[in-house]
Amino acid sequence: MNTFNKVAAALVKAQKEFGPALKSSTNPHFKSRYADLAACVEAVVDALNNNGIALTQRVSPCDDGVIVETVFIHESGEVINCGQLHVPAAKQDPQGYGSALTYARRYSLMAACGIAPEDDDANAASRRPTAPPAPPTPDITDHLSAIEASASSDDLAKAYSAAYEACQGNQTLQARVIAAKKARIERAKKEKANGK
């Protein structure tokens, strides 16, 4: 009967020592940084070895790509197999298979060790430019006064047009301008009714 007591205990100790998988490589196609296979191995191999664990990755035959399995072998002889990962090759040539193998080894290792690439969101956020400040709210006080003081329908139309434009798309201010125009029209009606 296979037991995993020693390798499991050693793996727990090793995980406490794992470092981050540093994003030290650049993908020129996407212009992004990523943790390559070497960075992933570097993040875990010393901690594994210091706790008596050898890291191996088995490759199985596959017609359309590669199959990789990460395996932890403890110095006691206990072994943990971490399951197979299949990655299809983008091109059926040595370069395509090589790329698929590297990709499979990297992701199999990260999954088996429970590591992820360094979290650089906070770093990126600190470098990210802040949003530009909101433009100041236009002052339309004079325009509202011009609407109120308009003496004719032509004056009102001109004052209203200038006030609306001065709002610069601010819907709250536009609503005030519309309300001021309505109020001026109502006042004009009352004045006319009263014979003024």
Protein backbone atom coordinates (compact mmCIF):
# COMPACT_ATOMS: atom_id res chain seq x y z
CA MET A 1 0.00 0.00 0.00
CA ASN A 2 1.39 3.37 -1.03
CA THR A 3 1.55 6.05 1.60
CA PHE A 4 2.29 9.73 1.20
CA ASN A 5 2.92 10.72 4.82
CA LYS A 6 6.57 11.70 4.43
CA VAL A 7 6.36 13.34 1.02
CA ALA A 8 3.17 15.16 1.97
CA ALA A 9 4.71 16.54 5.17
CA ALA A 10 7.84 17.58 3.27
CA LEU A 11 5.76 19.24 0.55
CA VAL A 12 3.88 21.29 3.15
CA LYS A 13 7.21 22.53 4.56
CA ALA A 14 8.52 23.25 1.07
CA GLN A 15 5.45 25.27 0.11
CA LYS A 16 6.11 27.61 3.04
CA GLU A 17 9.42 28.45 1.38
CA PHE A 18 8.20 28.88 -2.20
CA GLY A 19 8.89 32.27 -3.73
CA PRO A 20 6.82 34.09 -6.34
CA ALA A 21 7.18 33.16 -9.99
CA LEU A 22 8.66 36.42 -11.21
CA LYS A 23 7.40 37.86 -14.50
CA SER A 24 10.86 38.28 -15.96
CA SER A 25 10.13 37.49 -19.62
CA THR A 26 8.33 39.56 -22.24
CA ASN A 27 5.85 38.36 -24.83
CA PRO A 28 6.56 40.60 -27.86
CA HIS A 29 3.27 39.67 -29.54
CA PHE A 30 1.05 40.82 -26.64
CA LYS A 31 3.61 43.27 -25.19
CA SER A 32 3.12 41.74 -21.76
CA ARG A 33 5.39 40.24 -19.13
CA TYR A 34 5.08 36.66 -17.91
CA ALA A 35 6.81 34.13 -15.67
CA ASP A 36 8.73 31.74 -17.90
CA LEU A 37 9.54 28.10 -17.09
CA ALA A 38 12.91 29.01 -15.54
CA ALA A 39 11.24 31.54 -13.21
CA CYS A 40 8.67 28.95 -12.13
CA VAL A 41 11.33 26.31 -11.43
CA GLU A 42 13.46 28.88 -9.58
CA ALA A 43 10.50 29.78 -7.37
CA VAL A 44 10.16 26.23 -6.01
CA VAL A 45 13.15 23.96 -6.67
CA ASP A 46 15.38 25.04 -3.76
CA ALA A 47 12.52 24.75 -1.28
CA LEU A 48 11.63 21.29 -2.63
CA ASN A 49 15.22 20.07 -2.57
CA ASN A 50 15.83 21.49 0.92
CA ASN A 51 12.95 19.35 2.15
CA GLY A 52 14.11 16.14 0.46
CA ILE A 53 11.89 16.36 -2.61
CA ALA A 54 13.08 15.92 -6.18
CA LEU A 55 11.05 17.57 -8.92
CA THR A 56 10.58 15.71 -12.18
CA GLN A 57 8.25 16.16 -15.12
CA ARG A 58 7.28 13.16 -17.21
CA VAL A 59 6.43 13.52 -20.87
CA SER A 60 4.06 11.05 -22.55
CA PRO A 61 3.62 10.44 -26.28
CA CYS A 62 0.84 12.35 -28.00
CA ASP A 63 -0.01 12.80 -31.69
CA ASP A 64 -1.27 16.39 -31.62
CA GLY A 65 0.83 17.98 -28.89
CA VAL A 66 2.42 17.07 -25.57
CA ILE A 67 1.34 15.51 -22.28
CA VAL A 68 3.26 16.48 -19.15
CA GLU A 69 2.94 15.29 -15.57
CA THR A 70 4.73 16.91 -12.64
CA VAL A 71 5.97 14.35 -10.11
CA PHE A 72 7.40 14.88 -6.61
CA ILE A 73 9.77 12.15 -5.41
CA HIS A 74 10.69 12.18 -1.71
CA GLU A 75 14.03 10.88 -0.46
CA SER A 76 12.06 8.20 1.42
CA GLY A 77 10.90 6.81 -1.91
CA GLU A 78 7.36 8.13 -1.65
CA VAL A 79 6.01 9.68 -4.82
CA ILE A 80 3.19 12.10 -5.62
CA ASN A 81 1.96 12.15 -9.23
CA CYS A 82 0.13 15.39 -9.96
CA GLY A 83 -1.91 14.41 -12.99
CA GLN A 84 -1.37 14.80 -16.70
CA LEU A 85 -1.76 18.03 -18.63
CA HIS A 86 -2.32 17.92 -22.39
CA VAL A 87 -1.33 20.91 -24.51
CA PRO A 88 -1.89 20.77 -28.29
CA ALA A 89 0.92 21.98 -30.52
CA ALA A 90 0.03 25.07 -32.55
CA LYS A 91 2.25 23.81 -35.40
CA GLN A 92 3.16 20.22 -36.17
CA ASP A 93 6.90 20.87 -36.30
CA PRO A 94 9.76 20.83 -33.76
CA GLN A 95 9.22 24.47 -32.84
CA GLY A 96 5.50 23.93 -32.29
CA TYR A 97 6.09 20.87 -30.11
CA GLY A 98 8.88 22.64 -28.22
CA SER A 99 6.65 25.60 -27.44
CA ALA A 100 3.82 23.31 -26.35
CA LEU A 101 6.22 21.36 -24.11
CA THR A 102 7.54 24.49 -22.42
CA TYR A 103 4.01 25.79 -21.93
CA ALA A 104 2.79 22.46 -20.53
CA ARG A 105 5.75 22.13 -18.15
CA ARG A 106 5.25 25.66 -16.85
CA TYR A 107 1.52 25.33 -16.19
CA SER A 108 1.78 21.80 -14.84
CA LEU A 109 4.46 22.94 -12.39
CA MET A 110 2.48 26.01 -11.25
CA ALA A 111 -0.64 23.91 -10.73
CA ALA A 112 1.21 21.15 -8.87
CA CYS A 113 3.02 23.58 -6.58
CA GLY A 114 0.08 25.90 -6.07
CA ILE A 115 2.02 28.95 -7.20
CA ALA A 116 1.03 31.80 -9.46
CA PRO A 117 2.99 34.51 -11.22
CA GLU A 118 3.83 37.45 -9.00
CA ASP A 119 0.90 39.76 -8.42
CA ASP A 120 2.01 42.98 -10.04
CA ASP A 121 -1.45 44.58 -10.07
CA ALA A 122 -0.57 46.78 -7.12
CA ASN A 123 2.71 47.79 -8.73
CA ALA A 124 1.00 48.50 -12.02
CA ALA A 125 -1.70 50.47 -10.27
CA SER A 126 0.87 52.63 -8.54
CA ARG A 127 2.41 53.44 -11.91
CA ARG A 128 -0.91 53.87 -13.68
CA PRO A 129 -1.69 57.51 -14.34
CA THR A 130 -4.59 58.81 -12.36
CA ALA A 131 -7.69 59.82 -14.21
CA PRO A 132 -7.68 63.47 -15.19
CA PRO A 133 -9.64 65.62 -12.81
CA ALA A 134 -13.21 66.28 -13.80
CA PRO A 135 -13.60 69.59 -15.57
CA PRO A 136 -14.92 72.34 -13.31
CA THR A 137 -18.65 72.91 -13.39
CA PRO A 138 -19.38 75.93 -15.60
CA ASP A 139 -20.74 79.00 -13.86
CA ILE A 140 -24.00 79.93 -15.62
CA THR A 141 -25.22 82.46 -13.08
CA ASP A 142 -24.89 85.36 -15.54
CA HIS A 143 -26.67 83.37 -18.23
CA LEU A 144 -29.58 82.58 -15.91
CA SER A 145 -29.77 86.28 -15.03
CA ALA A 146 -29.85 87.13 -18.75
CA ILE A 147 -32.77 84.74 -19.26
CA GLU A 148 -34.59 86.34 -16.31
CA ALA A 149 -33.92 89.86 -17.61
CA SER A 150 -34.83 89.19 -21.25
CA ALA A 151 -37.32 91.78 -22.49
CA SER A 152 -38.55 90.07 -25.66
CA SER A 153 -38.93 86.62 -27.15
CA ASP A 154 -35.87 87.27 -29.34
CA ASP A 155 -33.83 88.29 -26.28
CA LEU A 156 -35.06 85.19 -24.46
CA ALA A 157 -34.13 82.92 -27.40
CA LYS A 158 -30.63 84.40 -27.57
CA ALA A 159 -30.11 84.24 -23.79
CA TYR A 160 -31.44 80.68 -23.67
CA SER A 161 -29.17 79.54 -26.55
CA ALA A 162 -26.07 81.10 -24.94
CA ALA A 163 -26.94 79.63 -21.53
CA TYR A 164 -27.55 76.15 -22.92
CA GLU A 165 -24.22 76.22 -24.77
CA ALA A 166 -22.43 77.43 -21.62
CA CYS A 167 -23.58 74.27 -19.80
CA GLN A 168 -20.99 72.29 -21.82
CA GLY A 169 -23.16 69.18 -21.78
CA ASN A 170 -23.76 69.22 -18.02
CA GLN A 171 -27.30 67.85 -17.81
CA THR A 172 -27.98 69.28 -14.36
CA LEU A 173 -27.14 72.78 -15.58
CA GLN A 174 -29.12 72.24 -18.76
CA ALA A 175 -32.16 71.38 -16.64
CA ARG A 176 -31.73 74.65 -14.72
CA VAL A 177 -31.55 76.60 -17.99
CA ILE A 178 -34.71 74.92 -19.30
CA ALA A 179 -36.48 75.64 -16.00
CA ALA A 180 -35.36 79.29 -16.12
CA LYS A 181 -36.72 79.65 -19.67
CA LYS A 182 -40.08 78.13 -18.65
CA ALA A 183 -40.24 80.42 -15.63
CA ARG A 184 -39.52 83.49 -17.80
CA ILE A 185 -42.24 82.48 -20.29
CA GLU A 186 -44.74 81.97 -17.46
CA ARG A 187 -43.84 85.36 -16.00
CA ALA A 188 -44.26 86.98 -19.42
CA LYS A 189 -47.73 85.42 -19.74
CA LYS A 190 -48.76 86.74 -16.33
CA GLU A 191 -47.39 90.19 -17.14
CA LYS A 192 -49.34 90.21 -20.41
CA ALA A 193 -52.50 89.08 -18.62
CA ASN A 194 -52.07 91.87 -16.08
CA GLY A 195 -51.55 94.42 -18.85
CA LYS A 196 -47.96 95.21 -18.03
